[in-house]
Amino acid sequence: MTDKHDHKPSSPEDQAPQGKPGMIQVAQSVLAAIFGVQSGKNRERDFKKGQASDYIAVYVILVIALVVGMIITVNTVISNAGH
């Protein structure tokens, strides 16, 4: 009989297979790289096991979302400033 309390909570890194990083890990790595806070361990994992096309695709999507968000924010502020 096993005790459920013996299991320590596992982190997402423990759950990931030793192979290719998943899309959530790719997105986290891209966001960390954009803000300049990428850890050496994750950077090494990305270069050894990741595919460049995955990182490029996520980066392009995040940059487009950022630009669209900024355009919407600026247009909202400008339209509300005239009232």
PDB file of N, CA and C in Angstrom:
ATOM      1  N   MET A   1       0.848  -1.173   0.000  1.00  0.00           N
ATOM      2  CA  MET A   1       0.000   0.000   0.000  1.00  0.00           C
ATOM      3  C   MET A   1       0.891   1.232   0.000  1.00  0.00           C
ATOM      4  N   THR A   2       0.627   2.148  -0.889  1.00  0.00           N
ATOM      5  CA  THR A   2       1.450   3.348  -0.984  1.00  0.00           C
ATOM      6  C   THR A   2       0.764   4.505  -0.295  1.00  0.00           C
ATOM      7  N   ASP A   3       1.567   5.375   0.231  1.00  0.00           N
ATOM      8  CA  ASP A   3       1.070   6.564   0.893  1.00  0.00           C
ATOM      9  C   ASP A   3       1.162   7.721  -0.085  1.00  0.00           C
ATOM     10  N   LYS A   4       0.067   8.428  -0.311  1.00  0.00           N
ATOM     11  CA  LYS A   4       0.055   9.527  -1.271  1.00  0.00           C
ATOM     12  C   LYS A   4       0.900  10.704  -0.810  1.00  0.00           C
ATOM     13  N   HIS A   5       1.195  10.783   0.461  1.00  0.00           N
ATOM     14  CA  HIS A   5       1.953  11.906   0.991  1.00  0.00           C
ATOM     15  C   HIS A   5       3.452  11.735   0.793  1.00  0.00           C
ATOM     16  N   ASP A   6       3.888  10.581   0.345  1.00  0.00           N
ATOM     17  CA  ASP A   6       5.318  10.360   0.126  1.00  0.00           C
ATOM     18  C   ASP A   6       5.824  11.040  -1.135  1.00  0.00           C
ATOM     19  N   HIS A   7       4.910  11.405  -2.035  1.00  0.00           N
ATOM     20  CA  HIS A   7       5.327  12.018  -3.292  1.00  0.00           C
ATOM     21  C   HIS A   7       5.616  13.498  -3.077  1.00  0.00           C
ATOM     22  N   LYS A   8       6.797  13.902  -3.499  1.00  0.00           N
ATOM     23  CA  LYS A   8       7.064  15.337  -3.453  1.00  0.00           C
ATOM     24  C   LYS A   8       6.488  15.966  -4.707  1.00  0.00           C
ATOM     25  N   PRO A   9       6.027  17.214  -4.631  1.00  0.00           N
ATOM     26  CA  PRO A   9       5.457  17.839  -5.815  1.00  0.00           C
ATOM     27  C   PRO A   9       6.529  17.970  -6.888  1.00  0.00           C
ATOM     28  N   SER A  10       6.164  17.617  -8.078  1.00  0.00           N
ATOM     29  CA  SER A  10       7.143  17.684  -9.156  1.00  0.00           C
ATOM     30  C   SER A  10       6.992  19.002  -9.904  1.00  0.00           C
ATOM     31  N   SER A  11       8.105  19.515 -10.336  1.00  0.00           N
ATOM     32  CA  SER A  11       8.103  20.753 -11.100  1.00  0.00           C
ATOM     33  C   SER A  11       7.900  20.411 -12.567  1.00  0.00           C
ATOM     34  N   PRO A  12       7.562  21.400 -13.409  1.00  0.00           N
ATOM     35  CA  PRO A  12       7.407  21.135 -14.835  1.00  0.00           C
ATOM     36  C   PRO A  12       8.684  20.580 -15.462  1.00  0.00           C
ATOM     37  N   GLU A  13       9.829  20.960 -14.910  1.00  0.00           N
ATOM     38  CA  GLU A  13      11.089  20.455 -15.451  1.00  0.00           C
ATOM     39  C   GLU A  13      11.231  18.964 -15.189  1.00  0.00           C
ATOM     40  N   ASP A  14      10.717  18.481 -14.032  1.00  0.00           N
ATOM     41  CA  ASP A  14      10.787  17.065 -13.711  1.00  0.00           C
ATOM     42  C   ASP A  14       9.845  16.251 -14.594  1.00  0.00           C
ATOM     43  N   GLN A  15       8.726  16.853 -14.993  1.00  0.00           N
ATOM     44  CA  GLN A  15       7.744  16.148 -15.785  1.00  0.00           C
ATOM     45  C   GLN A  15       8.130  16.071 -17.257  1.00  0.00           C
ATOM     46  N   ALA A  16       8.963  16.973 -17.734  1.00  0.00           N
ATOM     47  CA  ALA A  16       9.333  17.002 -19.140  1.00  0.00           C
ATOM     48  C   ALA A  16      10.230  15.826 -19.485  1.00  0.00           C
ATOM     49  N   PRO A  17      10.023  15.259 -20.656  1.00  0.00           N
ATOM     50  CA  PRO A  17      10.903  14.180 -21.061  1.00  0.00           C
ATOM     51  C   PRO A  17      12.302  14.707 -21.342  1.00  0.00           C
ATOM     52  N   GLN A  18      13.253  13.812 -21.372  1.00  0.00           N
ATOM     53  CA  GLN A  18      14.640  14.202 -21.567  1.00  0.00           C
ATOM     54  C   GLN A  18      14.906  14.648 -23.002  1.00  0.00           C
ATOM     55  N   GLY A  19      13.957  14.488 -23.891  1.00  0.00           N
ATOM     56  CA  GLY A  19      14.135  14.836 -25.298  1.00  0.00           C
ATOM     57  C   GLY A  19      13.875  16.302 -25.561  1.00  0.00           C
ATOM     58  N   LYS A  20      13.199  16.527 -26.650  1.00  0.00           N
ATOM     59  CA  LYS A  20      12.902  17.868 -27.146  1.00  0.00           C
ATOM     60  C   LYS A  20      12.024  18.651 -26.160  1.00  0.00           C
ATOM     61  N   PRO A  21      12.334  19.936 -25.920  1.00  0.00           N
ATOM     62  CA  PRO A  21      11.502  20.758 -25.027  1.00  0.00           C
ATOM     63  C   PRO A  21      10.091  20.941 -25.595  1.00  0.00           C
ATOM     64  N   GLY A  22       9.098  20.972 -24.715  1.00  0.00           N
ATOM     65  CA  GLY A  22       7.720  21.185 -25.136  1.00  0.00           C
ATOM     66  C   GLY A  22       7.474  22.653 -25.479  1.00  0.00           C
ATOM     67  N   MET A  23       6.297  22.908 -26.029  1.00  0.00           N
ATOM     68  CA  MET A  23       5.986  24.271 -26.460  1.00  0.00           C
ATOM     69  C   MET A  23       5.914  25.251 -25.293  1.00  0.00           C
ATOM     70  N   ILE A  24       5.460  24.803 -24.133  1.00  0.00           N
ATOM     71  CA  ILE A  24       5.431  25.699 -22.968  1.00  0.00           C
ATOM     72  C   ILE A  24       6.860  26.057 -22.559  1.00  0.00           C
ATOM     73  N   GLN A  25       7.756  25.092 -22.576  1.00  0.00           N
ATOM     74  CA  GLN A  25       9.154  25.358 -22.244  1.00  0.00           C
ATOM     75  C   GLN A  25       9.779  26.289 -23.279  1.00  0.00           C
ATOM     76  N   VAL A  26       9.416  26.111 -24.544  1.00  0.00           N
ATOM     77  CA  VAL A  26       9.928  26.990 -25.604  1.00  0.00           C
ATOM     78  C   VAL A  26       9.436  28.414 -25.360  1.00  0.00           C
ATOM     79  N   ALA A  27       8.143  28.568 -25.053  1.00  0.00           N
ATOM     80  CA  ALA A  27       7.587  29.899 -24.800  1.00  0.00           C
ATOM     81  C   ALA A  27       8.240  30.539 -23.576  1.00  0.00           C
ATOM     82  N   GLN A  28       8.466  29.755 -22.520  1.00  0.00           N
ATOM     83  CA  GLN A  28       9.128  30.285 -21.334  1.00  0.00           C
ATOM     84  C   GLN A  28      10.554  30.718 -21.659  1.00  0.00           C
ATOM     85  N   SER A  29      11.240  29.938 -22.460  1.00  0.00           N
ATOM     86  CA  SER A  29      12.617  30.280 -22.828  1.00  0.00           C
ATOM     87  C   SER A  29      12.670  31.547 -23.665  1.00  0.00           C
ATOM     88  N   VAL A  30      11.727  31.680 -24.599  1.00  0.00           N
ATOM     89  CA  VAL A  30      11.695  32.879 -25.444  1.00  0.00           C
ATOM     90  C   VAL A  30      11.390  34.111 -24.600  1.00  0.00           C
ATOM     91  N   LEU A  31      10.413  34.014 -23.708  1.00  0.00           N
ATOM     92  CA  LEU A  31      10.085  35.153 -22.838  1.00  0.00           C
ATOM     93  C   LEU A  31      11.265  35.519 -21.939  1.00  0.00           C
ATOM     94  N   ALA A  32      11.918  34.508 -21.380  1.00  0.00           N
ATOM     95  CA  ALA A  32      13.073  34.765 -20.520  1.00  0.00           C
ATOM     96  C   ALA A  32      14.195  35.415 -21.316  1.00  0.00           C
ATOM     97  N   ALA A  33      14.389  34.977 -22.540  1.00  0.00           N
ATOM     98  CA  ALA A  33      15.440  35.562 -23.378  1.00  0.00           C
ATOM     99  C   ALA A  33      15.110  37.005 -23.760  1.00  0.00           C
ATOM    100  N   ILE A  34      13.842  37.272 -24.034  1.00  0.00           N
ATOM    101  CA  ILE A  34      13.438  38.635 -24.381  1.00  0.00           C
ATOM    102  C   ILE A  34      13.727  39.586 -23.219  1.00  0.00           C
ATOM    103  N   PHE A  35      13.452  39.145 -22.000  1.00  0.00           N
ATOM    104  CA  PHE A  35      13.672  39.988 -20.825  1.00  0.00           C
ATOM    105  C   PHE A  35      15.092  39.881 -20.278  1.00  0.00           C
ATOM    106  N   GLY A  36      15.899  38.987 -20.852  1.00  0.00           N
ATOM    107  CA  GLY A  36      17.300  38.882 -20.456  1.00  0.00           C
ATOM    108  C   GLY A  36      17.528  38.150 -19.153  1.00  0.00           C
ATOM    109  N   VAL A  37      16.630  37.240 -18.790  1.00  0.00           N
ATOM    110  CA  VAL A  37      16.767  36.531 -17.525  1.00  0.00           C
ATOM    111  C   VAL A  37      16.852  35.016 -17.716  1.00  0.00           C
ATOM    112  N   GLN A  38      17.260  34.584 -18.876  1.00  0.00           N
ATOM    113  CA  GLN A  38      17.362  33.154 -19.173  1.00  0.00           C
ATOM    114  C   GLN A  38      18.469  32.517 -18.339  1.00  0.00           C
ATOM    115  N   SER A  39      18.176  31.392 -17.713  1.00  0.00           N
ATOM    116  CA  SER A  39      19.195  30.699 -16.916  1.00  0.00           C
ATOM    117  C   SER A  39      20.140  29.931 -17.839  1.00  0.00           C
ATOM    118  N   GLY A  40      21.338  29.720 -17.368  1.00  0.00           N
ATOM    119  CA  GLY A  40      22.324  28.993 -18.152  1.00  0.00           C
ATOM    120  C   GLY A  40      21.895  27.561 -18.430  1.00  0.00           C
ATOM    121  N   LYS A  41      21.252  26.952 -17.449  1.00  0.00           N
ATOM    122  CA  LYS A  41      20.781  25.567 -17.599  1.00  0.00           C
ATOM    123  C   LYS A  41      19.744  25.465 -18.717  1.00  0.00           C
ATOM    124  N   ASN A  42      18.786  26.380 -18.720  1.00  0.00           N
ATOM    125  CA  ASN A  42      17.753  26.356 -19.760  1.00  0.00           C
ATOM    126  C   ASN A  42      18.320  26.718 -21.124  1.00  0.00           C
ATOM    127  N   ARG A  43      19.222  27.665 -21.169  1.00  0.00           N
ATOM    128  CA  ARG A  43      19.841  28.042 -22.437  1.00  0.00           C
ATOM    129  C   ARG A  43      20.601  26.858 -23.042  1.00  0.00           C
ATOM    130  N   GLU A  44      21.319  26.139 -22.190  1.00  0.00           N
ATOM    131  CA  GLU A  44      22.060  24.975 -22.654  1.00  0.00           C
ATOM    132  C   GLU A  44      21.100  23.897 -23.171  1.00  0.00           C
ATOM    133  N   ARG A  45      19.982  23.671 -22.455  1.00  0.00           N
ATOM    134  CA  ARG A  45      18.967  22.709 -22.905  1.00  0.00           C
ATOM    135  C   ARG A  45      18.405  23.112 -24.257  1.00  0.00           C
ATOM    136  N   ASP A  46      18.141  24.411 -24.419  1.00  0.00           N
ATOM    137  CA  ASP A  46      17.561  24.892 -25.665  1.00  0.00           C
ATOM    138  C   ASP A  46      18.505  24.656 -26.847  1.00  0.00           C
ATOM    139  N   PHE A  47      19.778  24.926 -26.656  1.00  0.00           N
ATOM    140  CA  PHE A  47      20.731  24.772 -27.753  1.00  0.00           C
ATOM    141  C   PHE A  47      21.029  23.311 -28.065  1.00  0.00           C
ATOM    142  N   LYS A  48      21.006  22.454 -27.052  1.00  0.00           N
ATOM    143  CA  LYS A  48      21.343  21.054 -27.279  1.00  0.00           C
ATOM    144  C   LYS A  48      20.166  20.239 -27.797  1.00  0.00           C
ATOM    145  N   LYS A  49      18.959  20.494 -27.287  1.00  0.00           N
ATOM    146  CA  LYS A  49      17.829  19.626 -27.587  1.00  0.00           C
ATOM    147  C   LYS A  49      16.711  20.298 -28.367  1.00  0.00           C
ATOM    148  N   GLY A  50      16.723  21.619 -28.452  1.00  0.00           N
ATOM    149  CA  GLY A  50      15.642  22.324 -29.123  1.00  0.00           C
ATOM    150  C   GLY A  50      15.887  22.491 -30.603  1.00  0.00           C
ATOM    151  N   GLN A  51      14.819  22.789 -31.323  1.00  0.00           N
ATOM    152  CA  GLN A  51      14.917  23.085 -32.748  1.00  0.00           C
ATOM    153  C   GLN A  51      14.737  24.581 -32.945  1.00  0.00           C
ATOM    154  N   ALA A  52      15.584  25.161 -33.758  1.00  0.00           N
ATOM    155  CA  ALA A  52      15.548  26.606 -33.979  1.00  0.00           C
ATOM    156  C   ALA A  52      14.199  27.060 -34.521  1.00  0.00           C
ATOM    157  N   SER A  53      13.571  26.262 -35.364  1.00  0.00           N
ATOM    158  CA  SER A  53      12.292  26.655 -35.957  1.00  0.00           C
ATOM    159  C   SER A  53      11.209  26.861 -34.899  1.00  0.00           C
ATOM    160  N   ASP A  54      11.225  26.053 -33.845  1.00  0.00           N
ATOM    161  CA  ASP A  54      10.245  26.227 -32.765  1.00  0.00           C
ATOM    162  C   ASP A  54      10.429  27.572 -32.074  1.00  0.00           C
ATOM    163  N   TYR A  55      11.668  27.904 -31.771  1.00  0.00           N
ATOM    164  CA  TYR A  55      11.968  29.150 -31.060  1.00  0.00           C
ATOM    165  C   TYR A  55      11.685  30.364 -31.943  1.00  0.00           C
ATOM    166  N   ILE A  56      12.005  30.262 -33.214  1.00  0.00           N
ATOM    167  CA  ILE A  56      11.749  31.374 -34.137  1.00  0.00           C
ATOM    168  C   ILE A  56      10.252  31.611 -34.275  1.00  0.00           C
ATOM    169  N   ALA A  57       9.466  30.542 -34.413  1.00  0.00           N
ATOM    170  CA  ALA A  57       8.016  30.682 -34.566  1.00  0.00           C
ATOM    171  C   ALA A  57       7.392  31.321 -33.321  1.00  0.00           C
ATOM    172  N   VAL A  58       7.773  30.860 -32.147  1.00  0.00           N
ATOM    173  CA  VAL A  58       7.231  31.428 -30.906  1.00  0.00           C
ATOM    174  C   VAL A  58       7.660  32.881 -30.761  1.00  0.00           C
ATOM    175  N   TYR A  59       8.906  33.187 -31.099  1.00  0.00           N
ATOM    176  CA  TYR A  59       9.409  34.559 -31.008  1.00  0.00           C
ATOM    177  C   TYR A  59       8.619  35.486 -31.929  1.00  0.00           C
ATOM    178  N   VAL A  60       8.403  35.068 -33.172  1.00  0.00           N
ATOM    179  CA  VAL A  60       7.662  35.899 -34.127  1.00  0.00           C
ATOM    180  C   VAL A  60       6.242  36.148 -33.621  1.00  0.00           C
ATOM    181  N   ILE A  61       5.592  35.106 -33.114  1.00  0.00           N
ATOM    182  CA  ILE A  61       4.226  35.264 -32.594  1.00  0.00           C
ATOM    183  C   ILE A  61       4.200  36.227 -31.410  1.00  0.00           C
ATOM    184  N   LEU A  62       5.162  36.103 -30.493  1.00  0.00           N
ATOM    185  CA  LEU A  62       5.196  36.994 -29.322  1.00  0.00           C
ATOM    186  C   LEU A  62       5.486  38.439 -29.711  1.00  0.00           C
ATOM    187  N   VAL A  63       6.364  38.643 -30.672  1.00  0.00           N
ATOM    188  CA  VAL A  63       6.678  40.008 -31.112  1.00  0.00           C
ATOM    189  C   VAL A  63       5.466  40.634 -31.798  1.00  0.00           C
ATOM    190  N   ILE A  64       4.780  39.868 -32.644  1.00  0.00           N
ATOM    191  CA  ILE A  64       3.574  40.391 -33.298  1.00  0.00           C
ATOM    192  C   ILE A  64       2.518  40.740 -32.251  1.00  0.00           C
ATOM    193  N   ALA A  65       2.327  39.873 -31.258  1.00  0.00           N
ATOM    194  CA  ALA A  65       1.356  40.153 -30.196  1.00  0.00           C
ATOM    195  C   ALA A  65       1.741  41.407 -29.415  1.00  0.00           C
ATOM    196  N   LEU A  66       3.034  41.587 -29.156  1.00  0.00           N
ATOM    197  CA  LEU A  66       3.500  42.766 -28.439  1.00  0.00           C
ATOM    198  C   LEU A  66       3.241  44.038 -29.241  1.00  0.00           C
ATOM    199  N   VAL A  67       3.543  44.010 -30.532  1.00  0.00           N
ATOM    200  CA  VAL A  67       3.334  45.191 -31.380  1.00  0.00           C
ATOM    201  C   VAL A  67       1.848  45.516 -31.486  1.00  0.00           C
ATOM    202  N   VAL A  68       1.014  44.507 -31.708  1.00  0.00           N
ATOM    203  CA  VAL A  68      -0.430  44.742 -31.796  1.00  0.00           C
ATOM    204  C   VAL A  68      -0.963  45.290 -30.468  1.00  0.00           C
ATOM    205  N   GLY A  69      -0.494  44.746 -29.372  1.00  0.00           N
ATOM    206  CA  GLY A  69      -0.901  45.252 -28.057  1.00  0.00           C
ATOM    207  C   GLY A  69      -0.506  46.701 -27.841  1.00  0.00           C
ATOM    208  N   MET A  70       0.692  47.043 -28.272  1.00  0.00           N
ATOM    209  CA  MET A  70       1.146  48.440 -28.133  1.00  0.00           C
ATOM    210  C   MET A  70       0.327  49.373 -29.020  1.00  0.00           C
ATOM    211  N   ILE A  71       0.007  48.958 -30.228  1.00  0.00           N
ATOM    212  CA  ILE A  71      -0.803  49.787 -31.127  1.00  0.00           C
ATOM    213  C   ILE A  71      -2.188  50.016 -30.525  1.00  0.00           C
ATOM    214  N   ILE A  72      -2.798  48.965 -30.005  1.00  0.00           N
ATOM    215  CA  ILE A  72      -4.125  49.102 -29.392  1.00  0.00           C
ATOM    216  C   ILE A  72      -4.068  50.022 -28.177  1.00  0.00           C
ATOM    217  N   THR A  73      -3.032  49.874 -27.354  1.00  0.00           N
ATOM    218  CA  THR A  73      -2.893  50.712 -26.159  1.00  0.00           C
ATOM    219  C   THR A  73      -2.718  52.183 -26.541  1.00  0.00           C
ATOM    220  N   VAL A  74      -1.851  52.451 -27.483  1.00  0.00           N
ATOM    221  CA  VAL A  74      -1.586  53.838 -27.891  1.00  0.00           C
ATOM    222  C   VAL A  74      -2.837  54.446 -28.513  1.00  0.00           C
ATOM    223  N   ASN A  75      -3.526  53.705 -29.380  1.00  0.00           N
ATOM    224  CA  ASN A  75      -4.753  54.240 -29.982  1.00  0.00           C
ATOM    225  C   ASN A  75      -5.832  54.507 -28.926  1.00  0.00           C
ATOM    226  N   THR A  76      -5.938  53.652 -27.928  1.00  0.00           N
ATOM    227  CA  THR A  76      -6.916  53.854 -26.850  1.00  0.00           C
ATOM    228  C   THR A  76      -6.588  55.096 -26.051  1.00  0.00           C
ATOM    229  N   VAL A  77      -5.310  55.265 -25.711  1.00  0.00           N
ATOM    230  CA  VAL A  77      -4.890  56.441 -24.940  1.00  0.00           C
ATOM    231  C   VAL A  77      -5.102  57.723 -25.738  1.00  0.00           C
ATOM    232  N   ILE A  78      -4.768  57.701 -27.014  1.00  0.00           N
ATOM    233  CA  ILE A  78      -4.920  58.899 -27.837  1.00  0.00           C
ATOM    234  C   ILE A  78      -6.401  59.253 -28.008  1.00  0.00           C
ATOM    235  N   SER A  79      -7.247  58.267 -28.223  1.00  0.00           N
ATOM    236  CA  SER A  79      -8.674  58.562 -28.413  1.00  0.00           C
ATOM    237  C   SER A  79      -9.309  59.056 -27.106  1.00  0.00           C
ATOM    238  N   ASN A  80      -8.849  58.572 -25.963  1.00  0.00           N
ATOM    239  CA  ASN A  80      -9.393  59.034 -24.685  1.00  0.00           C
ATOM    240  C   ASN A  80      -8.816  60.367 -24.256  1.00  0.00           C
ATOM    241  N   ALA A  81      -7.671  60.748 -24.765  1.00  0.00           N
ATOM    242  CA  ALA A  81      -7.058  62.015 -24.403  1.00  0.00           C
ATOM    243  C   ALA A  81      -7.802  63.197 -25.010  1.00  0.00           C
ATOM    244  N   GLY A  82      -8.491  62.991 -26.106  1.00  0.00           N
ATOM    245  CA  GLY A  82      -9.221  64.068 -26.781  1.00  0.00           C
ATOM    246  C   GLY A  82     -10.533  64.409 -26.128  1.00  0.00           C
ATOM    247  N   HIS A  83     -11.019  63.580 -25.240  1.00  0.00           N
ATOM    248  CA  HIS A  83     -12.329  63.833 -24.605  1.00  0.00           C
ATOM    249  C   HIS A  83     -12.199  64.689 -23.425  1.00  0.00           C
TER     250      HIS A  83
END
